[in-house]
PDB file of all heavy atoms in Angstrom:
ATOM      1  N   LEU A   1     118.606  94.686 120.566  1.00  0.00           N
ATOM      2  CA  LEU A   1     118.349  94.970 119.155  1.00  0.00           C
ATOM      3  C   LEU A   1     119.651  95.185 118.380  1.00  0.00           C
ATOM      4  O   LEU A   1     119.762  94.796 117.221  1.00  0.00           O
ATOM      5  CB  LEU A   1     117.453  96.199 119.019  1.00  0.00           C
ATOM      6  CG  LEU A   1     115.986  95.991 119.411  1.00  0.00           C
ATOM      7  CD1 LEU A   1     115.267  97.333 119.476  1.00  0.00           C
ATOM      8  CD2 LEU A   1     115.291  95.057 118.422  1.00  0.00           C
ATOM      9  N   ARG A   2     120.619  95.777 119.027  1.00  0.00           N
ATOM     10  CA  ARG A   2     121.904  96.006 118.361  1.00  0.00           C
ATOM     11  C   ARG A   2     122.602  94.690 118.026  1.00  0.00           C
ATOM     12  O   ARG A   2     123.310  94.595 117.032  1.00  0.00           O
ATOM     13  CB  ARG A   2     122.799  96.872 119.248  1.00  0.00           C
ATOM     14  CG  ARG A   2     122.401  98.351 119.221  1.00  0.00           C
ATOM     15  CD  ARG A   2     123.160  99.167 120.229  1.00  0.00           C
ATOM     16  NE  ARG A   2     122.827 100.596 120.106  1.00  0.00           N
ATOM     17  CZ  ARG A   2     123.016 101.485 121.061  1.00  0.00           C
ATOM     18  NH1 ARG A   2     123.536 101.115 122.229  1.00  0.00           N
ATOM     19  NH2 ARG A   2     122.681 102.736 120.876  1.00  0.00           N
ATOM     20  N   HIS A   3     122.366  93.685 118.861  1.00  0.00           N
ATOM     21  CA  HIS A   3     123.002  92.388 118.634  1.00  0.00           C
ATOM     22  C   HIS A   3     122.282  91.558 117.562  1.00  0.00           C
ATOM     23  O   HIS A   3     122.872  90.694 116.941  1.00  0.00           O
ATOM     24  CB  HIS A   3     123.060  91.590 119.944  1.00  0.00           C
ATOM     25  CG  HIS A   3     124.155  92.022 120.863  1.00  0.00           C
ATOM     26  ND1 HIS A   3     123.963  92.953 121.870  1.00  0.00           N
ATOM     27  CD2 HIS A   3     125.459  91.677 120.917  1.00  0.00           C
ATOM     28  CE1 HIS A   3     125.110  93.156 122.518  1.00  0.00           C
ATOM     29  NE2 HIS A   3     126.027  92.390 121.957  1.00  0.00           N
ATOM     30  N   LYS A   4     121.000  91.837 117.373  1.00  0.00           N
ATOM     31  CA  LYS A   4     120.238  91.034 116.419  1.00  0.00           C
ATOM     32  C   LYS A   4     119.802  91.842 115.202  1.00  0.00           C
ATOM     33  O   LYS A   4     118.909  91.463 114.476  1.00  0.00           O
ATOM     34  CB  LYS A   4     119.015  90.414 117.102  1.00  0.00           C
ATOM     35  CG  LYS A   4     118.130  91.406 117.816  1.00  0.00           C
ATOM     36  CD  LYS A   4     117.086  90.708 118.678  1.00  0.00           C
ATOM     37  CE  LYS A   4     116.006  90.079 117.869  1.00  0.00           C
ATOM     38  NZ  LYS A   4     114.875  89.625 118.687  1.00  0.00           N
ATOM     39  N   ARG A   5     120.464  92.949 114.982  1.00  0.00           N
ATOM     40  CA  ARG A   5     120.081  93.875 113.908  1.00  0.00           C
ATOM     41  C   ARG A   5     120.058  93.221 112.534  1.00  0.00           C
ATOM     42  O   ARG A   5     119.247  93.548 111.675  1.00  0.00           O
ATOM     43  CB  ARG A   5     121.052  95.057 113.910  1.00  0.00           C
ATOM     44  CG  ARG A   5     120.790  96.080 112.804  1.00  0.00           C
ATOM     45  CD  ARG A   5     120.044  97.271 113.330  1.00  0.00           C
ATOM     46  NE  ARG A   5     119.726  98.176 112.249  1.00  0.00           N
ATOM     47  CZ  ARG A   5     120.470  99.221 111.937  1.00  0.00           C
ATOM     48  NH1 ARG A   5     121.559  99.487 112.608  1.00  0.00           N
ATOM     49  NH2 ARG A   5     120.106 100.015 110.952  1.00  0.00           N
ATOM     50  N   ASN A   6     120.985  92.294 112.317  1.00  0.00           N
ATOM     51  CA  ASN A   6     121.123  91.716 110.981  1.00  0.00           C
ATOM     52  C   ASN A   6     120.207  90.527 110.732  1.00  0.00           C
ATOM     53  O   ASN A   6     120.253  89.925 109.649  1.00  0.00           O
ATOM     54  CB  ASN A   6     122.580  91.285 110.756  1.00  0.00           C
ATOM     55  CG  ASN A   6     123.524  92.470 110.736  1.00  0.00           C
ATOM     56  OD1 ASN A   6     123.170  93.542 110.262  1.00  0.00           O
ATOM     57  ND2 ASN A   6     124.713  92.281 111.286  1.00  0.00           N
ATOM     58  N   GLU A   7     119.408  90.172 111.713  1.00  0.00           N
ATOM     59  CA  GLU A   7     118.504  89.050 111.516  1.00  0.00           C
ATOM     60  C   GLU A   7     117.382  89.456 110.562  1.00  0.00           C
ATOM     61  O   GLU A   7     116.877  90.568 110.596  1.00  0.00           O
ATOM     62  CB  GLU A   7     117.906  88.597 112.851  1.00  0.00           C
ATOM     63  CG  GLU A   7     118.933  87.960 113.780  1.00  0.00           C
ATOM     64  CD  GLU A   7     118.313  87.465 115.057  1.00  0.00           C
ATOM     65  OE1 GLU A   7     117.076  87.557 115.171  1.00  0.00           O
ATOM     66  OE2 GLU A   7     119.056  87.015 115.928  1.00  0.00           O
ATOM     67  N   ASN A   8     116.971  88.539 109.732  1.00  0.00           N
ATOM     68  CA  ASN A   8     115.918  88.828 108.759  1.00  0.00           C
ATOM     69  C   ASN A   8     114.596  88.247 109.204  1.00  0.00           C
ATOM     70  O   ASN A   8     114.558  87.199 109.862  1.00  0.00           O
ATOM     71  CB  ASN A   8     116.274  88.235 107.389  1.00  0.00           C
ATOM     72  CG  ASN A   8     117.492  88.893 106.784  1.00  0.00           C
ATOM     73  OD1 ASN A   8     117.645  90.106 106.857  1.00  0.00           O
ATOM     74  ND2 ASN A   8     118.367  88.088 106.204  1.00  0.00           N
ATOM     75  N   ALA A   9     113.511  88.898 108.843  1.00  0.00           N
ATOM     76  CA  ALA A   9     112.190  88.353 109.144  1.00  0.00           C
ATOM     77  C   ALA A   9     111.960  87.105 108.315  1.00  0.00           C
ATOM     78  O   ALA A   9     112.458  86.975 107.204  1.00  0.00           O
ATOM     79  CB  ALA A   9     111.114  89.397 108.827  1.00  0.00           C
ATOM     80  N   GLY A  10     111.176  86.159 108.857  1.00  0.00           N
ATOM     81  CA  GLY A  10     110.920  84.893 108.176  1.00  0.00           C
ATOM     82  C   GLY A  10     110.036  85.069 106.954  1.00  0.00           C
ATOM     83  O   GLY A  10     109.347  86.070 106.780  1.00  0.00           O
ATOM     84  N   ALA A  11     110.053  84.062 106.083  1.00  0.00           N
ATOM     85  CA  ALA A  11     109.266  84.112 104.852  1.00  0.00           C
ATOM     86  C   ALA A  11     107.785  84.170 105.137  1.00  0.00           C
ATOM     87  O   ALA A  11     107.027  84.841 104.442  1.00  0.00           O
ATOM     88  CB  ALA A  11     109.593  82.894 103.989  1.00  0.00           C
ATOM     89  N   ASP A  12     107.348  83.475 106.201  1.00  0.00           N
ATOM     90  CA  ASP A  12     105.933  83.464 106.533  1.00  0.00           C
ATOM     91  C   ASP A  12     105.444  84.867 106.881  1.00  0.00           C
ATOM     92  O   ASP A  12     104.360  85.284 106.480  1.00  0.00           O
ATOM     93  CB  ASP A  12     105.666  82.529 107.715  1.00  0.00           C
ATOM     94  CG  ASP A  12     105.825  81.069 107.318  1.00  0.00           C
ATOM     95  OD1 ASP A  12     105.830  80.782 106.095  1.00  0.00           O
ATOM     96  OD2 ASP A  12     105.953  80.235 108.224  1.00  0.00           O
ATOM     97  N   MET A  13     106.260  85.615 107.632  1.00  0.00           N
ATOM     98  CA  MET A  13     105.872  86.973 107.991  1.00  0.00           C
ATOM     99  C   MET A  13     105.830  87.851 106.746  1.00  0.00           C
ATOM    100  O   MET A  13     104.969  88.698 106.598  1.00  0.00           O
ATOM    101  CB  MET A  13     106.858  87.551 109.014  1.00  0.00           C
ATOM    102  CG  MET A  13     106.516  88.978 109.431  1.00  0.00           C
ATOM    103  SD  MET A  13     104.822  89.165 110.038  1.00  0.00           S
ATOM    104  CE  MET A  13     104.892  88.112 111.489  1.00  0.00           C
ATOM    105  N   HIS A  14     106.750  87.622 105.828  1.00  0.00           N
ATOM    106  CA  HIS A  14     106.761  88.404 104.590  1.00  0.00           C
ATOM    107  C   HIS A  14     105.451  88.198 103.827  1.00  0.00           C
ATOM    108  O   HIS A  14     104.877  89.150 103.288  1.00  0.00           O
ATOM    109  CB  HIS A  14     107.945  87.986 103.721  1.00  0.00           C
ATOM    110  CG  HIS A  14     108.024  88.732 102.424  1.00  0.00           C
ATOM    111  ND1 HIS A  14     108.444  90.036 102.341  1.00  0.00           N
ATOM    112  CD2 HIS A  14     107.713  88.353 101.162  1.00  0.00           C
ATOM    113  CE1 HIS A  14     108.410  90.435 101.082  1.00  0.00           C
ATOM    114  NE2 HIS A  14     107.966  89.437 100.348  1.00  0.00           N
ATOM    115  N   GLU A  15     104.975  86.972 103.801  1.00  0.00           N
ATOM    116  CA  GLU A  15     103.710  86.690 103.127  1.00  0.00           C
ATOM    117  C   GLU A  15     102.551  87.390 103.828  1.00  0.00           C
ATOM    118  O   GLU A  15     101.645  87.918 103.187  1.00  0.00           O
ATOM    119  CB  GLU A  15     103.465  85.172 103.097  1.00  0.00           C
ATOM    120  CG  GLU A  15     104.403  84.425 102.173  1.00  0.00           C
ATOM    121  CD  GLU A  15     104.294  84.913 100.738  1.00  0.00           C
ATOM    122  OE1 GLU A  15     103.149  85.069 100.248  1.00  0.00           O
ATOM    123  OE2 GLU A  15     105.339  85.142 100.105  1.00  0.00           O
ATOM    124  N   GLN A  16     102.584  87.392 105.167  1.00  0.00           N
ATOM    125  CA  GLN A  16     101.520  88.061 105.919  1.00  0.00           C
ATOM    126  C   GLN A  16     101.485  89.553 105.605  1.00  0.00           C
ATOM    127  O   GLN A  16     100.421  90.151 105.448  1.00  0.00           O
ATOM    128  CB  GLN A  16     101.745  87.886 107.425  1.00  0.00           C
ATOM    129  CG  GLN A  16     101.319  86.537 107.963  1.00  0.00           C
ATOM    130  CD  GLN A  16     101.503  86.503 109.456  1.00  0.00           C
ATOM    131  OE1 GLN A  16     102.615  86.481 109.956  1.00  0.00           O
ATOM    132  NE2 GLN A  16     100.406  86.521 110.177  1.00  0.00           N
ATOM    133  N   LEU A  17     102.650  90.145 105.504  1.00  0.00           N
ATOM    134  CA  LEU A  17     102.730  91.588 105.315  1.00  0.00           C
ATOM    135  C   LEU A  17     102.180  92.035 103.972  1.00  0.00           C
ATOM    136  O   LEU A  17     101.837  93.199 103.797  1.00  0.00           O
ATOM    137  CB  LEU A  17     104.184  92.042 105.461  1.00  0.00           C
ATOM    138  CG  LEU A  17     104.747  91.945 106.882  1.00  0.00           C
ATOM    139  CD1 LEU A  17     106.241  92.260 106.859  1.00  0.00           C
ATOM    140  CD2 LEU A  17     104.024  92.886 107.828  1.00  0.00           C
ATOM    141  N   LYS A  18     102.103  91.131 103.021  1.00  0.00           N
ATOM    142  CA  LYS A  18     101.556  91.489 101.713  1.00  0.00           C
ATOM    143  C   LYS A  18     100.096  91.933 101.823  1.00  0.00           C
ATOM    144  O   LYS A  18      99.589  92.637 100.957  1.00  0.00           O
ATOM    145  CB  LYS A  18     101.666  90.302 100.759  1.00  0.00           C
ATOM    146  CG  LYS A  18     103.085  90.009 100.315  1.00  0.00           C
ATOM    147  CD  LYS A  18     103.111  88.847  99.328  1.00  0.00           C
ATOM    148  CE  LYS A  18     104.528  88.561  98.864  1.00  0.00           C
ATOM    149  NZ  LYS A  18     104.583  87.435  97.906  1.00  0.00           N
ATOM    150  N   TYR A  19      99.430  91.504 102.892  1.00  0.00           N
ATOM    151  CA  TYR A  19      98.016  91.832 103.059  1.00  0.00           C
ATOM    152  C   TYR A  19      97.816  93.094 103.886  1.00  0.00           C
ATOM    153  O   TYR A  19      96.701  93.456 104.235  1.00  0.00           O
ATOM    154  CB  TYR A  19      97.290  90.659 103.725  1.00  0.00           C
ATOM    155  CG  TYR A  19      97.315  89.417 102.871  1.00  0.00           C
ATOM    156  CD1 TYR A  19      98.289  88.445 103.080  1.00  0.00           C
ATOM    157  CD2 TYR A  19      96.395  89.239 101.844  1.00  0.00           C
ATOM    158  CE1 TYR A  19      98.338  87.299 102.294  1.00  0.00           C
ATOM    159  CE2 TYR A  19      96.440  88.100 101.049  1.00  0.00           C
ATOM    160  CZ  TYR A  19      97.407  87.135 101.280  1.00  0.00           C
ATOM    161  OH  TYR A  19      97.443  86.022 100.488  1.00  0.00           O
ATOM    162  N   PHE A  20      98.930  93.746 104.200  1.00  0.00           N
ATOM    163  CA  PHE A  20      98.865  94.945 105.033  1.00  0.00           C
ATOM    164  C   PHE A  20      98.800  96.167 104.137  1.00  0.00           C
ATOM    165  O   PHE A  20      99.782  96.543 103.518  1.00  0.00           O
ATOM    166  CB  PHE A  20     100.110  94.988 105.927  1.00  0.00           C
ATOM    167  CG  PHE A  20      99.997  95.967 107.060  1.00  0.00           C
ATOM    168  CD1 PHE A  20      98.903  95.965 107.891  1.00  0.00           C
ATOM    169  CD2 PHE A  20     101.021  96.868 107.290  1.00  0.00           C
ATOM    170  CE1 PHE A  20      98.829  96.845 108.949  1.00  0.00           C
ATOM    171  CE2 PHE A  20     100.947  97.745 108.348  1.00  0.00           C
ATOM    172  CZ  PHE A  20      99.850  97.739 109.176  1.00  0.00           C
ATOM    173  N   THR A  21      97.645  96.781 104.012  1.00  0.00           N
ATOM    174  CA  THR A  21      97.472  97.867 103.054  1.00  0.00           C
ATOM    175  C   THR A  21      98.248  99.112 103.447  1.00  0.00           C
ATOM    176  O   THR A  21      98.600  99.312 104.604  1.00  0.00           O
ATOM    177  CB  THR A  21      95.980  98.235 102.939  1.00  0.00           C
ATOM    178  OG1 THR A  21      95.513  98.650 104.223  1.00  0.00           O
ATOM    179  CG2 THR A  21      95.160  97.057 102.475  1.00  0.00           C
ATOM    180  N   SER A  22      98.476  99.987 102.467  1.00  0.00           N
ATOM    181  CA  SER A  22      99.289 101.174 102.708  1.00  0.00           C
ATOM    182  C   SER A  22      98.551 102.463 102.402  1.00  0.00           C
ATOM    183  O   SER A  22      99.152 103.515 102.330  1.00  0.00           O
ATOM    184  CB  SER A  22     100.560 101.106 101.849  1.00  0.00           C
ATOM    185  OG  SER A  22     100.218 101.106 100.484  1.00  0.00           O
ATOM    186  N   ASN A  23      97.250 102.402 102.248  1.00  0.00           N
ATOM    187  CA  ASN A  23      96.528 103.611 101.845  1.00  0.00           C
ATOM    188  C   ASN A  23      95.963 104.392 103.033  1.00  0.00           C
ATOM    189  O   ASN A  23      95.176 105.294 102.869  1.00  0.00           O
ATOM    190  CB  ASN A  23      95.394 103.265 100.874  1.00  0.00           C
ATOM    191  CG  ASN A  23      94.448 102.230 101.471  1.00  0.00           C
ATOM    192  OD1 ASN A  23      94.656 101.796 102.587  1.00  0.00           O
ATOM    193  ND2 ASN A  23      93.438 101.856 100.714  1.00  0.00           N
ATOM    194  N   GLU A  24      96.373 104.024 104.256  1.00  0.00           N
ATOM    195  CA  GLU A  24      96.024 104.813 105.433  1.00  0.00           C
ATOM    196  C   GLU A  24      97.324 105.256 106.079  1.00  0.00           C
ATOM    197  O   GLU A  24      98.374 104.659 105.861  1.00  0.00           O
ATOM    198  CB  GLU A  24      95.225 103.963 106.434  1.00  0.00           C
ATOM    199  CG  GLU A  24      93.927 103.410 105.885  1.00  0.00           C
ATOM    200  CD  GLU A  24      93.258 102.477 106.886  1.00  0.00           C
ATOM    201  OE1 GLU A  24      93.492 102.649 108.095  1.00  0.00           O
ATOM    202  OE2 GLU A  24      92.539 101.579 106.452  1.00  0.00           O
ATOM    203  N   ASN A  25      97.257 106.268 106.913  1.00  0.00           N
ATOM    204  CA  ASN A  25      98.492 106.681 107.561  1.00  0.00           C
ATOM    205  C   ASN A  25      98.850 105.717 108.688  1.00  0.00           C
ATOM    206  O   ASN A  25      98.030 104.951 109.157  1.00  0.00           O
ATOM    207  CB  ASN A  25      98.412 108.138 108.069  1.00  0.00           C
ATOM    208  CG  ASN A  25      97.342 108.320 109.120  1.00  0.00           C
ATOM    209  OD1 ASN A  25      97.195 107.510 110.030  1.00  0.00           O
ATOM    210  ND2 ASN A  25      96.589 109.403 109.006  1.00  0.00           N
ATOM    211  N   ILE A  26     100.103 105.774 109.113  1.00  0.00           N
ATOM    212  CA  ILE A  26     100.613 104.786 110.066  1.00  0.00           C
ATOM    213  C   ILE A  26      99.886 104.860 111.411  1.00  0.00           C
ATOM    214  O   ILE A  26      99.680 103.855 112.080  1.00  0.00           O
ATOM    215  CB  ILE A  26     102.134 104.971 110.268  1.00  0.00           C
ATOM    216  CG1 ILE A  26     102.717 103.797 111.070  1.00  0.00           C
ATOM    217  CG2 ILE A  26     102.452 106.289 110.947  1.00  0.00           C
ATOM    218  CD1 ILE A  26     102.584 102.477 110.376  1.00  0.00           C
ATOM    219  N   GLU A  27      99.469 106.077 111.806  1.00  0.00           N
ATOM    220  CA  GLU A  27      98.775 106.218 113.081  1.00  0.00           C
ATOM    221  C   GLU A  27      97.470 105.413 113.087  1.00  0.00           C
ATOM    222  O   GLU A  27      97.125 104.778 114.082  1.00  0.00           O
ATOM    223  CB  GLU A  27      98.488 107.690 113.379  1.00  0.00           C
ATOM    224  CG  GLU A  27      99.743 108.524 113.638  1.00  0.00           C
ATOM    225  CD  GLU A  27     100.407 109.007 112.363  1.00  0.00           C
ATOM    226  OE1 GLU A  27      99.936 108.649 111.263  1.00  0.00           O
ATOM    227  OE2 GLU A  27     101.392 109.734 112.469  1.00  0.00           O
ATOM    228  N   GLN A  28      96.730 105.432 111.975  1.00  0.00           N
ATOM    229  CA  GLN A  28      95.481 104.692 111.897  1.00  0.00           C
ATOM    230  C   GLN A  28      95.723 103.184 111.901  1.00  0.00           C
ATOM    231  O   GLN A  28      94.942 102.427 112.478  1.00  0.00           O
ATOM    232  CB  GLN A  28      94.716 105.093 110.627  1.00  0.00           C
ATOM    233  CG  GLN A  28      94.128 106.487 110.697  1.00  0.00           C
ATOM    234  CD  GLN A  28      93.160 106.634 111.855  1.00  0.00           C
ATOM    235  OE1 GLN A  28      92.292 105.799 112.062  1.00  0.00           O
ATOM    236  NE2 GLN A  28      93.331 107.689 112.640  1.00  0.00           N
ATOM    237  N   HIS A  29      96.803 102.744 111.299  1.00  0.00           N
ATOM    238  CA  HIS A  29      97.135 101.320 111.339  1.00  0.00           C
ATOM    239  C   HIS A  29      97.363 100.858 112.767  1.00  0.00           C
ATOM    240  O   HIS A  29      96.949  99.765 113.168  1.00  0.00           O
ATOM    241  CB  HIS A  29      98.406 101.050 110.527  1.00  0.00           C
ATOM    242  CG  HIS A  29      98.154 100.979 109.050  1.00  0.00           C
ATOM    243  ND1 HIS A  29      97.169 100.192 108.493  1.00  0.00           N
ATOM    244  CD2 HIS A  29      98.776 101.593 108.011  1.00  0.00           C
ATOM    245  CE1 HIS A  29      97.200 100.325 107.182  1.00  0.00           C
ATOM    246  NE2 HIS A  29      98.154 101.182 106.860  1.00  0.00           N
ATOM    247  N   LEU A  30      98.021 101.700 113.551  1.00  0.00           N
ATOM    248  CA  LEU A  30      98.362 101.304 114.918  1.00  0.00           C
ATOM    249  C   LEU A  30      97.121 101.174 115.791  1.00  0.00           C
ATOM    250  O   LEU A  30      97.130 100.419 116.765  1.00  0.00           O
ATOM    251  CB  LEU A  30      99.334 102.329 115.526  1.00  0.00           C
ATOM    252  CG  LEU A  30     100.727 102.331 114.904  1.00  0.00           C
ATOM    253  CD1 LEU A  30     101.546 103.469 115.473  1.00  0.00           C
ATOM    254  CD2 LEU A  30     101.426 101.011 115.148  1.00  0.00           C
ATOM    255  N   ILE A  31      96.081 101.902 115.466  1.00  0.00           N
ATOM    256  CA  ILE A  31      94.848 101.826 116.244  1.00  0.00           C
ATOM    257  C   ILE A  31      94.185 100.468 116.069  1.00  0.00           C
ATOM    258  O   ILE A  31      93.541  99.946 116.976  1.00  0.00           O
ATOM    259  CB  ILE A  31      93.887 102.958 115.822  1.00  0.00           C
ATOM    260  CG1 ILE A  31      94.479 104.309 116.237  1.00  0.00           C
ATOM    261  CG2 ILE A  31      92.501 102.761 116.442  1.00  0.00           C
ATOM    262  CD1 ILE A  31      93.692 105.499 115.722  1.00  0.00           C
TER     263      ILE A  31
END
């Protein structure tokens, strides 16, 4: 991870993340 720290996530993943809601706490998302 230290060697690839500066790599950026792809545009496709960025689009996917837009559908990831934020109105629940992180623990519930992980379930």
